[in-house]
């Protein structure tokens, strides 16, 4: 954040409104849930599931504006993690659920100041329209990404490699690289499926995939593919991997999120739908291949 902008914002601080970090457990989380339940336009259960994602136990799950000791009037959710990028480890903060009562929105900017002061890698994939201008003023970079849904039938293709899908944990521990092993261990406790795919019975020729089965309008199952460790290898064996996933999770609808032209799905589907969205980043590490790990998409 530029010094000039910081000075301008500091003049707007109302010292009667206190800013506090919220940690998992304890009275502050109870007060936070009361605040969220009062927001009629929200689906509080969705936010409750996001704040369960906690990769660094001693880091806050968010920051809150307090009108008094027992009443929150604003909240910004955070998911802190450590990202291993090449040979270095970077502190990362994912932002979600920036919510402030209408009468206190002049104090909204205060929620992000402690995170900016840490000078960590920051990302967010779900900014509401009214916050986009603020992110840009704060020096965030904007990138477009796409959310794609396809309908496909369970068909196996003999021209592609034989695909085997396993959830046997012994594979992960013994075969994965150090980078993938960290991703696996970090995401192990979340309610997502971690899939080990290998080709032609060769476990060394493998892909790590993280997926989550969701339901649209309660009854329509969709399998969201959150992470693929080797997208090129997936694309070369797309039909057969899809076939195995469809069989295992009993759905013909698959979903992915991707940046640029990095879709793992081809265009040859009976039905597909794409929505374009915006993501914001600050302090992006060099050579970081943007993904959807360590974010609210896991919830």
C-alpha atoms as a PDB file:
ATOM      1  CA  UNK A   1       0.000   0.000   0.000  1.00  0.00           C
ATOM      2  CA  UNK A   2       1.423   3.412  -0.935  1.00  0.00           C
ATOM      3  CA  UNK A   3       2.343   5.753   1.923  1.00  0.00           C
ATOM      4  CA  UNK A   4       0.084   8.491   0.513  1.00  0.00           C
ATOM      5  CA  UNK A   5      -2.945   6.208   0.419  1.00  0.00           C
ATOM      6  CA  UNK A   6      -2.157   4.900   3.912  1.00  0.00           C
ATOM      7  CA  UNK A   7      -2.055   8.445   5.295  1.00  0.00           C
ATOM      8  CA  UNK A   8      -5.374   9.261   3.690  1.00  0.00           C
ATOM      9  CA  UNK A   9      -6.973   6.135   5.127  1.00  0.00           C
ATOM     10  CA  UNK A  10      -5.524   6.700   8.604  1.00  0.00           C
ATOM     11  CA  UNK A  11      -7.367  10.030   8.811  1.00  0.00           C
ATOM     12  CA  UNK A  12     -10.650   8.122   8.467  1.00  0.00           C
ATOM     13  CA  UNK A  13     -10.048   5.744  11.392  1.00  0.00           C
ATOM     14  CA  UNK A  14     -12.755   5.828  14.059  1.00  0.00           C
ATOM     15  CA  UNK A  15     -10.962   4.861  17.266  1.00  0.00           C
ATOM     16  CA  UNK A  16     -14.221   3.891  18.947  1.00  0.00           C
ATOM     17  CA  UNK A  17     -14.323   0.876  16.599  1.00  0.00           C
ATOM     18  CA  UNK A  18     -11.717  -1.703  17.605  1.00  0.00           C
ATOM     19  CA  UNK A  19      -9.889  -4.007  15.187  1.00  0.00           C
ATOM     20  CA  UNK A  20      -9.058  -7.512  16.440  1.00  0.00           C
ATOM     21  CA  UNK A  21      -7.790 -10.788  14.938  1.00  0.00           C
ATOM     22  CA  UNK A  22     -10.150 -13.760  15.319  1.00  0.00           C
ATOM     23  CA  UNK A  23      -8.663 -17.144  16.195  1.00  0.00           C
ATOM     24  CA  UNK A  24     -10.233 -20.572  15.961  1.00  0.00           C
ATOM     25  CA  UNK A  25     -12.212 -21.458  19.076  1.00  0.00           C
ATOM     26  CA  UNK A  26     -13.181 -19.270  21.999  1.00  0.00           C
ATOM     27  CA  UNK A  27     -15.634 -16.426  22.507  1.00  0.00           C
ATOM     28  CA  UNK A  28     -14.527 -14.363  19.498  1.00  0.00           C
ATOM     29  CA  UNK A  29     -15.595 -17.109  17.084  1.00  0.00           C
ATOM     30  CA  UNK A  30     -18.987 -17.346  18.817  1.00  0.00           C
ATOM     31  CA  UNK A  31     -19.457 -13.567  18.473  1.00  0.00           C
ATOM     32  CA  UNK A  32     -18.401 -13.809  14.817  1.00  0.00           C
ATOM     33  CA  UNK A  33     -21.005 -16.476  14.067  1.00  0.00           C
ATOM     34  CA  UNK A  34     -23.701 -14.291  15.635  1.00  0.00           C
ATOM     35  CA  UNK A  35     -22.638 -11.447  13.336  1.00  0.00           C
ATOM     36  CA  UNK A  36     -22.712 -13.667  10.252  1.00  0.00           C
ATOM     37  CA  UNK A  37     -26.115 -15.109  11.131  1.00  0.00           C
ATOM     38  CA  UNK A  38     -27.550 -11.572  11.214  1.00  0.00           C
ATOM     39  CA  UNK A  39     -26.618 -10.932   7.560  1.00  0.00           C
ATOM     40  CA  UNK A  40     -29.885 -11.804   5.804  1.00  0.00           C
ATOM     41  CA  UNK A  41     -28.359 -11.640   2.301  1.00  0.00           C
ATOM     42  CA  UNK A  42     -25.673 -14.247   3.113  1.00  0.00           C
ATOM     43  CA  UNK A  43     -25.599 -18.010   3.433  1.00  0.00           C
ATOM     44  CA  UNK A  44     -23.739 -18.183   6.771  1.00  0.00           C
ATOM     45  CA  UNK A  45     -23.226 -21.955   6.571  1.00  0.00           C
ATOM     46  CA  UNK A  46     -21.042 -21.428   3.488  1.00  0.00           C
ATOM     47  CA  UNK A  47     -18.793 -19.047   5.404  1.00  0.00           C
ATOM     48  CA  UNK A  48     -18.713 -21.347   8.448  1.00  0.00           C
ATOM     49  CA  UNK A  49     -17.357 -24.106   6.191  1.00  0.00           C
ATOM     50  CA  UNK A  50     -14.648 -21.765   4.842  1.00  0.00           C
ATOM     51  CA  UNK A  51     -13.410 -20.730   8.296  1.00  0.00           C
ATOM     52  CA  UNK A  52     -12.938 -24.419   9.103  1.00  0.00           C
ATOM     53  CA  UNK A  53     -10.042 -24.384   6.603  1.00  0.00           C
ATOM     54  CA  UNK A  54      -7.027 -23.675   8.776  1.00  0.00           C
ATOM     55  CA  UNK A  55      -3.542 -24.617   7.544  1.00  0.00           C
ATOM     56  CA  UNK A  56      -1.566 -22.648  10.168  1.00  0.00           C
ATOM     57  CA  UNK A  57      -3.018 -23.238  13.630  1.00  0.00           C
ATOM     58  CA  UNK A  58      -1.522 -20.107  15.214  1.00  0.00           C
ATOM     59  CA  UNK A  59      -2.779 -17.740  12.508  1.00  0.00           C
ATOM     60  CA  UNK A  60      -6.107 -15.889  12.649  1.00  0.00           C
ATOM     61  CA  UNK A  61      -9.144 -17.066  10.684  1.00  0.00           C
ATOM     62  CA  UNK A  62      -9.914 -13.407  10.039  1.00  0.00           C
ATOM     63  CA  UNK A  63     -10.021  -9.868  11.377  1.00  0.00           C
ATOM     64  CA  UNK A  64     -13.066  -8.163  12.872  1.00  0.00           C
ATOM     65  CA  UNK A  65     -14.303  -4.665  13.673  1.00  0.00           C
ATOM     66  CA  UNK A  66     -15.852  -4.492  17.136  1.00  0.00           C
ATOM     67  CA  UNK A  67     -18.438  -1.897  18.103  1.00  0.00           C
ATOM     68  CA  UNK A  68     -18.054  -3.113  21.683  1.00  0.00           C
ATOM     69  CA  UNK A  69     -16.704  -6.206  23.429  1.00  0.00           C
ATOM     70  CA  UNK A  70     -19.642  -8.362  22.368  1.00  0.00           C
ATOM     71  CA  UNK A  71     -20.684  -6.976  18.980  1.00  0.00           C
ATOM     72  CA  UNK A  72     -18.890  -7.326  15.647  1.00  0.00           C
ATOM     73  CA  UNK A  73     -19.792  -4.944  12.829  1.00  0.00           C
ATOM     74  CA  UNK A  74     -17.302  -6.071  10.178  1.00  0.00           C
ATOM     75  CA  UNK A  75     -15.251  -9.125   9.199  1.00  0.00           C
ATOM     76  CA  UNK A  76     -12.621 -10.180   6.656  1.00  0.00           C
ATOM     77  CA  UNK A  77     -11.858 -13.899   6.505  1.00  0.00           C
ATOM     78  CA  UNK A  78      -8.308 -15.188   6.057  1.00  0.00           C
ATOM     79  CA  UNK A  79      -6.776 -18.560   5.222  1.00  0.00           C
ATOM     80  CA  UNK A  80      -3.068 -18.469   6.068  1.00  0.00           C
ATOM     81  CA  UNK A  81      -0.733 -21.114   4.674  1.00  0.00           C
ATOM     82  CA  UNK A  82       2.842 -21.788   3.648  1.00  0.00           C
ATOM     83  CA  UNK A  83       3.367 -22.278  -0.091  1.00  0.00           C
ATOM     84  CA  UNK A  84       6.426 -24.149  -1.323  1.00  0.00           C
ATOM     85  CA  UNK A  85       7.464 -22.643  -4.641  1.00  0.00           C
ATOM     86  CA  UNK A  86      10.563 -24.183  -6.177  1.00  0.00           C
ATOM     87  CA  UNK A  87      13.159 -24.087  -3.371  1.00  0.00           C
ATOM     88  CA  UNK A  88      11.565 -21.458  -1.136  1.00  0.00           C
ATOM     89  CA  UNK A  89       8.607 -21.354   1.245  1.00  0.00           C
ATOM     90  CA  UNK A  90       6.339 -18.282   1.100  1.00  0.00           C
ATOM     91  CA  UNK A  91       3.734 -17.134   3.588  1.00  0.00           C
ATOM     92  CA  UNK A  92       0.371 -16.845   1.852  1.00  0.00           C
ATOM     93  CA  UNK A  93      -2.948 -15.321   2.884  1.00  0.00           C
ATOM     94  CA  UNK A  94      -6.158 -16.023   1.003  1.00  0.00           C
ATOM     95  CA  UNK A  95      -8.941 -13.458   1.576  1.00  0.00           C
ATOM     96  CA  UNK A  96     -12.655 -14.249   1.665  1.00  0.00           C
ATOM     97  CA  UNK A  97     -15.965 -12.970   3.061  1.00  0.00           C
ATOM     98  CA  UNK A  98     -15.324  -9.219   3.416  1.00  0.00           C
ATOM     99  CA  UNK A  99     -18.539  -8.182   5.186  1.00  0.00           C
ATOM    100  CA  UNK A 100     -19.247  -4.888   6.979  1.00  0.00           C
ATOM    101  CA  UNK A 101     -22.508  -3.505   8.350  1.00  0.00           C
ATOM    102  CA  UNK A 102     -23.774  -0.616   6.251  1.00  0.00           C
ATOM    103  CA  UNK A 103     -23.299   2.013   8.992  1.00  0.00           C
ATOM    104  CA  UNK A 104     -19.620   1.120   9.421  1.00  0.00           C
ATOM    105  CA  UNK A 105     -18.408   0.713   5.831  1.00  0.00           C
ATOM    106  CA  UNK A 106     -16.155   3.771   6.055  1.00  0.00           C
ATOM    107  CA  UNK A 107     -14.023   1.583   8.349  1.00  0.00           C
ATOM    108  CA  UNK A 108     -13.896  -1.419   5.957  1.00  0.00           C
ATOM    109  CA  UNK A 109     -10.331  -0.671   4.795  1.00  0.00           C
ATOM    110  CA  UNK A 110      -8.990  -1.279   8.309  1.00  0.00           C
ATOM    111  CA  UNK A 111      -9.673  -5.012   8.020  1.00  0.00           C
ATOM    112  CA  UNK A 112      -7.006  -5.519   5.368  1.00  0.00           C
ATOM    113  CA  UNK A 113      -4.287  -3.263   6.845  1.00  0.00           C
ATOM    114  CA  UNK A 114      -2.752  -5.898   9.198  1.00  0.00           C
ATOM    115  CA  UNK A 115      -2.474  -8.333   6.270  1.00  0.00           C
ATOM    116  CA  UNK A 116      -0.848  -5.765   3.981  1.00  0.00           C
ATOM    117  CA  UNK A 117       1.616  -4.902   6.743  1.00  0.00           C
ATOM    118  CA  UNK A 118       2.791  -8.523   6.831  1.00  0.00           C
ATOM    119  CA  UNK A 119       3.932  -8.136   3.168  1.00  0.00           C
ATOM    120  CA  UNK A 120       2.928 -11.732   2.443  1.00  0.00           C
ATOM    121  CA  UNK A 121       1.662 -13.232  -0.804  1.00  0.00           C
ATOM    122  CA  UNK A 122      -2.097 -12.448  -0.925  1.00  0.00           C
ATOM    123  CA  UNK A 123      -4.836 -13.778  -3.185  1.00  0.00           C
ATOM    124  CA  UNK A 124      -8.616 -13.732  -3.449  1.00  0.00           C
ATOM    125  CA  UNK A 125     -10.918 -15.400  -5.979  1.00  0.00           C
ATOM    126  CA  UNK A 126     -14.313 -14.067  -4.921  1.00  0.00           C
ATOM    127  CA  UNK A 127     -14.283 -10.268  -4.575  1.00  0.00           C
ATOM    128  CA  UNK A 128     -17.662  -8.606  -4.766  1.00  0.00           C
ATOM    129  CA  UNK A 129     -17.961  -5.894  -7.410  1.00  0.00           C
ATOM    130  CA  UNK A 130     -17.819  -3.034  -4.911  1.00  0.00           C
ATOM    131  CA  UNK A 131     -14.406  -4.167  -3.618  1.00  0.00           C
ATOM    132  CA  UNK A 132     -12.654  -4.491  -6.964  1.00  0.00           C
ATOM    133  CA  UNK A 133     -11.756  -0.798  -7.114  1.00  0.00           C
ATOM    134  CA  UNK A 134     -10.303  -0.902  -3.604  1.00  0.00           C
ATOM    135  CA  UNK A 135      -8.121  -3.897  -4.432  1.00  0.00           C
ATOM    136  CA  UNK A 136      -6.778  -2.071  -7.472  1.00  0.00           C
ATOM    137  CA  UNK A 137      -6.053   1.081  -5.439  1.00  0.00           C
ATOM    138  CA  UNK A 138      -4.166  -1.079  -2.947  1.00  0.00           C
ATOM    139  CA  UNK A 139      -1.865  -2.315  -5.716  1.00  0.00           C
ATOM    140  CA  UNK A 140      -3.357  -5.748  -6.339  1.00  0.00           C
ATOM    141  CA  UNK A 141      -2.900  -7.353  -9.758  1.00  0.00           C
ATOM    142  CA  UNK A 142      -6.065  -8.606 -11.431  1.00  0.00           C
ATOM    143  CA  UNK A 143      -6.185 -11.828 -13.445  1.00  0.00           C
ATOM    144  CA  UNK A 144      -9.136 -13.454 -15.181  1.00  0.00           C
ATOM    145  CA  UNK A 145      -9.979 -17.099 -14.654  1.00  0.00           C
ATOM    146  CA  UNK A 146     -12.708 -19.364 -15.948  1.00  0.00           C
ATOM    147  CA  UNK A 147     -15.064 -21.811 -14.315  1.00  0.00           C
ATOM    148  CA  UNK A 148     -16.076 -24.596 -16.695  1.00  0.00           C
ATOM    149  CA  UNK A 149     -18.715 -27.320 -16.378  1.00  0.00           C
ATOM    150  CA  UNK A 150     -18.933 -30.241 -18.790  1.00  0.00           C
ATOM    151  CA  UNK A 151     -21.349 -33.106 -19.264  1.00  0.00           C
ATOM    152  CA  UNK A 152     -19.668 -36.301 -20.424  1.00  0.00           C
ATOM    153  CA  UNK A 153     -20.587 -39.956 -20.704  1.00  0.00           C
ATOM    154  CA  UNK A 154     -18.548 -42.767 -19.108  1.00  0.00           C
ATOM    155  CA  UNK A 155     -16.620 -43.923 -22.164  1.00  0.00           C
ATOM    156  CA  UNK A 156     -13.232 -45.635 -22.149  1.00  0.00           C
ATOM    157  CA  UNK A 157     -10.775 -44.940 -25.019  1.00  0.00           C
ATOM    158  CA  UNK A 158      -8.397 -47.726 -26.038  1.00  0.00           C
ATOM    159  CA  UNK A 159      -6.061 -45.290 -27.852  1.00  0.00           C
ATOM    160  CA  UNK A 160      -5.112 -43.610 -24.577  1.00  0.00           C
ATOM    161  CA  UNK A 161      -3.032 -45.045 -21.751  1.00  0.00           C
ATOM    162  CA  UNK A 162      -4.578 -47.429 -19.290  1.00  0.00           C
ATOM    163  CA  UNK A 163      -5.600 -45.435 -16.224  1.00  0.00           C
ATOM    164  CA  UNK A 164      -5.763 -46.697 -12.648  1.00  0.00           C
ATOM    165  CA  UNK A 165      -7.288 -44.613  -9.863  1.00  0.00           C
ATOM    166  CA  UNK A 166      -6.433 -45.231  -6.219  1.00  0.00           C
ATOM    167  CA  UNK A 167      -6.986 -43.592  -2.832  1.00  0.00           C
ATOM    168  CA  UNK A 168      -4.454 -45.873  -1.123  1.00  0.00           C
ATOM    169  CA  UNK A 169      -2.413 -43.621   1.187  1.00  0.00           C
ATOM    170  CA  UNK A 170       0.676 -45.815   0.966  1.00  0.00           C
ATOM    171  CA  UNK A 171       1.195 -44.571  -2.602  1.00  0.00           C
ATOM    172  CA  UNK A 172       1.350 -40.957  -1.517  1.00  0.00           C
ATOM    173  CA  UNK A 173       3.953 -41.408   1.167  1.00  0.00           C
ATOM    174  CA  UNK A 174       6.360 -43.476  -0.897  1.00  0.00           C
ATOM    175  CA  UNK A 175       6.080 -42.065  -4.418  1.00  0.00           C
ATOM    176  CA  UNK A 176       5.227 -38.369  -4.334  1.00  0.00           C
ATOM    177  CA  UNK A 177       7.846 -35.659  -4.700  1.00  0.00           C
ATOM    178  CA  UNK A 178       8.508 -33.455  -1.658  1.00  0.00           C
ATOM    179  CA  UNK A 179       6.414 -30.632  -3.148  1.00  0.00           C
ATOM    180  CA  UNK A 180       3.418 -32.883  -3.811  1.00  0.00           C
ATOM    181  CA  UNK A 181       3.818 -34.590  -0.457  1.00  0.00           C
ATOM    182  CA  UNK A 182       3.421 -31.207   1.266  1.00  0.00           C
ATOM    183  CA  UNK A 183       0.262 -30.458  -0.740  1.00  0.00           C
ATOM    184  CA  UNK A 184      -1.091 -33.906   0.103  1.00  0.00           C
ATOM    185  CA  UNK A 185      -0.399 -33.587   3.843  1.00  0.00           C
ATOM    186  CA  UNK A 186      -1.745 -30.028   4.046  1.00  0.00           C
ATOM    187  CA  UNK A 187      -5.030 -31.017   2.403  1.00  0.00           C
ATOM    188  CA  UNK A 188      -5.424 -34.415   4.025  1.00  0.00           C
ATOM    189  CA  UNK A 189      -7.702 -33.214   6.843  1.00  0.00           C
ATOM    190  CA  UNK A 190     -10.134 -31.374   4.558  1.00  0.00           C
ATOM    191  CA  UNK A 191     -13.324 -33.058   3.389  1.00  0.00           C
ATOM    192  CA  UNK A 192     -12.077 -33.552  -0.150  1.00  0.00           C
ATOM    193  CA  UNK A 193     -10.917 -36.625  -2.005  1.00  0.00           C
ATOM    194  CA  UNK A 194      -7.241 -36.933  -2.827  1.00  0.00           C
ATOM    195  CA  UNK A 195      -6.877 -39.208  -5.829  1.00  0.00           C
ATOM    196  CA  UNK A 196      -3.747 -40.940  -7.060  1.00  0.00           C
ATOM    197  CA  UNK A 197      -3.866 -41.678 -10.815  1.00  0.00           C
ATOM    198  CA  UNK A 198      -1.198 -43.766 -12.505  1.00  0.00           C
ATOM    199  CA  UNK A 199      -0.768 -44.931 -16.089  1.00  0.00           C
ATOM    200  CA  UNK A 200      -0.143 -48.375 -17.593  1.00  0.00           C
ATOM    201  CA  UNK A 201       0.326 -49.963 -14.152  1.00  0.00           C
ATOM    202  CA  UNK A 202       3.407 -47.807 -13.541  1.00  0.00           C
ATOM    203  CA  UNK A 203       2.972 -46.009 -10.205  1.00  0.00           C
ATOM    204  CA  UNK A 204       5.935 -43.759 -10.997  1.00  0.00           C
ATOM    205  CA  UNK A 205       3.987 -42.354 -13.948  1.00  0.00           C
ATOM    206  CA  UNK A 206       1.346 -40.629 -11.856  1.00  0.00           C
ATOM    207  CA  UNK A 207      -0.833 -37.569 -11.256  1.00  0.00           C
ATOM    208  CA  UNK A 208      -2.141 -36.262  -7.937  1.00  0.00           C
ATOM    209  CA  UNK A 209      -5.710 -34.950  -8.189  1.00  0.00           C
ATOM    210  CA  UNK A 210      -7.832 -33.228  -5.517  1.00  0.00           C
ATOM    211  CA  UNK A 211     -11.591 -33.311  -6.095  1.00  0.00           C
ATOM    212  CA  UNK A 212     -14.800 -32.564  -4.228  1.00  0.00           C
ATOM    213  CA  UNK A 213     -18.281 -33.872  -4.957  1.00  0.00           C
ATOM    214  CA  UNK A 214     -20.886 -31.135  -4.653  1.00  0.00           C
ATOM    215  CA  UNK A 215     -24.638 -31.023  -5.183  1.00  0.00           C
ATOM    216  CA  UNK A 216     -26.421 -28.337  -7.170  1.00  0.00           C
ATOM    217  CA  UNK A 217     -29.993 -27.774  -6.006  1.00  0.00           C
ATOM    218  CA  UNK A 218     -29.481 -30.656  -3.565  1.00  0.00           C
ATOM    219  CA  UNK A 219     -29.987 -33.490  -6.072  1.00  0.00           C
ATOM    220  CA  UNK A 220     -27.603 -32.813  -8.986  1.00  0.00           C
ATOM    221  CA  UNK A 221     -24.099 -34.195  -8.268  1.00  0.00           C
ATOM    222  CA  UNK A 222     -21.084 -32.353  -9.699  1.00  0.00           C
ATOM    223  CA  UNK A 223     -17.482 -33.420  -9.283  1.00  0.00           C
ATOM    224  CA  UNK A 224     -15.236 -30.362  -8.997  1.00  0.00           C
ATOM    225  CA  UNK A 225     -11.608 -30.970  -9.925  1.00  0.00           C
ATOM    226  CA  UNK A 226      -9.731 -28.567  -7.666  1.00  0.00           C
ATOM    227  CA  UNK A 227      -6.126 -29.494  -8.396  1.00  0.00           C
ATOM    228  CA  UNK A 228      -4.190 -31.546 -10.949  1.00  0.00           C
ATOM    229  CA  UNK A 229      -0.458 -31.947 -10.410  1.00  0.00           C
ATOM    230  CA  UNK A 230       0.310 -32.444 -14.115  1.00  0.00           C
ATOM    231  CA  UNK A 231      -2.299 -30.871 -16.408  1.00  0.00           C
ATOM    232  CA  UNK A 232      -0.471 -31.861 -19.611  1.00  0.00           C
ATOM    233  CA  UNK A 233      -0.489 -35.529 -18.615  1.00  0.00           C
ATOM    234  CA  UNK A 234      -4.152 -35.250 -17.666  1.00  0.00           C
ATOM    235  CA  UNK A 235      -5.069 -33.770 -21.065  1.00  0.00           C
ATOM    236  CA  UNK A 236      -3.258 -36.553 -22.907  1.00  0.00           C
ATOM    237  CA  UNK A 237      -5.321 -39.107 -20.978  1.00  0.00           C
ATOM    238  CA  UNK A 238      -8.404 -36.987 -20.420  1.00  0.00           C
ATOM    239  CA  UNK A 239     -11.100 -39.392 -21.583  1.00  0.00           C
ATOM    240  CA  UNK A 240      -9.846 -42.335 -19.589  1.00  0.00           C
ATOM    241  CA  UNK A 241      -9.228 -40.307 -16.417  1.00  0.00           C
ATOM    242  CA  UNK A 242     -12.695 -38.788 -16.712  1.00  0.00           C
ATOM    243  CA  UNK A 243     -14.124 -42.264 -17.218  1.00  0.00           C
ATOM    244  CA  UNK A 244     -12.557 -43.514 -13.987  1.00  0.00           C
ATOM    245  CA  UNK A 245     -13.652 -40.439 -12.017  1.00  0.00           C
ATOM    246  CA  UNK A 246     -17.216 -40.686 -13.328  1.00  0.00           C
ATOM    247  CA  UNK A 247     -17.442 -44.347 -12.315  1.00  0.00           C
ATOM    248  CA  UNK A 248     -16.007 -43.705  -8.856  1.00  0.00           C
ATOM    249  CA  UNK A 249     -18.081 -40.645  -7.984  1.00  0.00           C
ATOM    250  CA  UNK A 250     -21.276 -41.542  -9.876  1.00  0.00           C
ATOM    251  CA  UNK A 251     -21.771 -38.320 -11.823  1.00  0.00           C
ATOM    252  CA  UNK A 252     -21.468 -37.302 -15.465  1.00  0.00           C
ATOM    253  CA  UNK A 253     -20.938 -33.611 -14.663  1.00  0.00           C
ATOM    254  CA  UNK A 254     -17.395 -32.372 -14.069  1.00  0.00           C
ATOM    255  CA  UNK A 255     -16.222 -28.887 -13.152  1.00  0.00           C
ATOM    256  CA  UNK A 256     -12.852 -27.129 -13.167  1.00  0.00           C
ATOM    257  CA  UNK A 257     -11.412 -23.643 -12.629  1.00  0.00           C
ATOM    258  CA  UNK A 258      -8.460 -22.490 -14.721  1.00  0.00           C
ATOM    259  CA  UNK A 259      -6.403 -19.461 -15.708  1.00  0.00           C
ATOM    260  CA  UNK A 260      -5.599 -18.544 -19.306  1.00  0.00           C
ATOM    261  CA  UNK A 261      -5.882 -21.465 -21.728  1.00  0.00           C
ATOM    262  CA  UNK A 262      -4.943 -24.079 -19.138  1.00  0.00           C
ATOM    263  CA  UNK A 263      -8.186 -26.049 -19.184  1.00  0.00           C
ATOM    264  CA  UNK A 264      -7.712 -29.774 -18.682  1.00  0.00           C
ATOM    265  CA  UNK A 265     -10.861 -30.412 -20.727  1.00  0.00           C
ATOM    266  CA  UNK A 266     -11.026 -30.467 -24.511  1.00  0.00           C
ATOM    267  CA  UNK A 267     -13.862 -28.825 -26.433  1.00  0.00           C
ATOM    268  CA  UNK A 268     -15.382 -32.091 -27.658  1.00  0.00           C
ATOM    269  CA  UNK A 269     -18.270 -32.426 -25.227  1.00  0.00           C
ATOM    270  CA  UNK A 270     -21.999 -32.681 -25.742  1.00  0.00           C
ATOM    271  CA  UNK A 271     -22.504 -29.862 -23.241  1.00  0.00           C
ATOM    272  CA  UNK A 272     -20.139 -27.335 -21.645  1.00  0.00           C
ATOM    273  CA  UNK A 273     -20.606 -23.978 -19.956  1.00  0.00           C
ATOM    274  CA  UNK A 274     -17.940 -21.408 -19.072  1.00  0.00           C
ATOM    275  CA  UNK A 275     -18.170 -18.442 -16.708  1.00  0.00           C
ATOM    276  CA  UNK A 276     -15.414 -15.846 -16.468  1.00  0.00           C
ATOM    277  CA  UNK A 277     -14.386 -14.416 -13.095  1.00  0.00           C
ATOM    278  CA  UNK A 278     -11.739 -12.162 -11.566  1.00  0.00           C
ATOM    279  CA  UNK A 279      -8.971 -12.959  -9.102  1.00  0.00           C
ATOM    280  CA  UNK A 280      -6.715 -10.472  -7.314  1.00  0.00           C
ATOM    281  CA  UNK A 281      -3.115 -11.007  -6.215  1.00  0.00           C
ATOM    282  CA  UNK A 282      -0.461  -9.047  -4.359  1.00  0.00           C
ATOM    283  CA  UNK A 283       3.218  -9.911  -3.844  1.00  0.00           C
ATOM    284  CA  UNK A 284       3.062 -12.896  -6.220  1.00  0.00           C
ATOM    285  CA  UNK A 285       6.263 -14.967  -5.943  1.00  0.00           C
ATOM    286  CA  UNK A 286       8.315 -15.413  -9.091  1.00  0.00           C
ATOM    287  CA  UNK A 287       7.627 -18.598 -11.058  1.00  0.00           C
ATOM    288  CA  UNK A 288       4.404 -19.277  -9.164  1.00  0.00           C
ATOM    289  CA  UNK A 289       1.994 -21.376 -11.211  1.00  0.00           C
ATOM    290  CA  UNK A 290      -1.375 -20.098 -10.038  1.00  0.00           C
ATOM    291  CA  UNK A 291      -3.688 -22.782  -8.668  1.00  0.00           C
ATOM    292  CA  UNK A 292      -6.764 -23.074  -6.458  1.00  0.00           C
ATOM    293  CA  UNK A 293      -5.149 -24.770  -3.475  1.00  0.00           C
ATOM    294  CA  UNK A 294      -5.218 -23.156  -0.030  1.00  0.00           C
ATOM    295  CA  UNK A 295      -8.364 -21.199  -0.942  1.00  0.00           C
ATOM    296  CA  UNK A 296     -12.094 -21.130  -0.190  1.00  0.00           C
ATOM    297  CA  UNK A 297     -12.713 -23.315  -3.264  1.00  0.00           C
ATOM    298  CA  UNK A 298     -11.710 -26.230  -1.019  1.00  0.00           C
ATOM    299  CA  UNK A 299     -14.692 -25.658   1.278  1.00  0.00           C
END
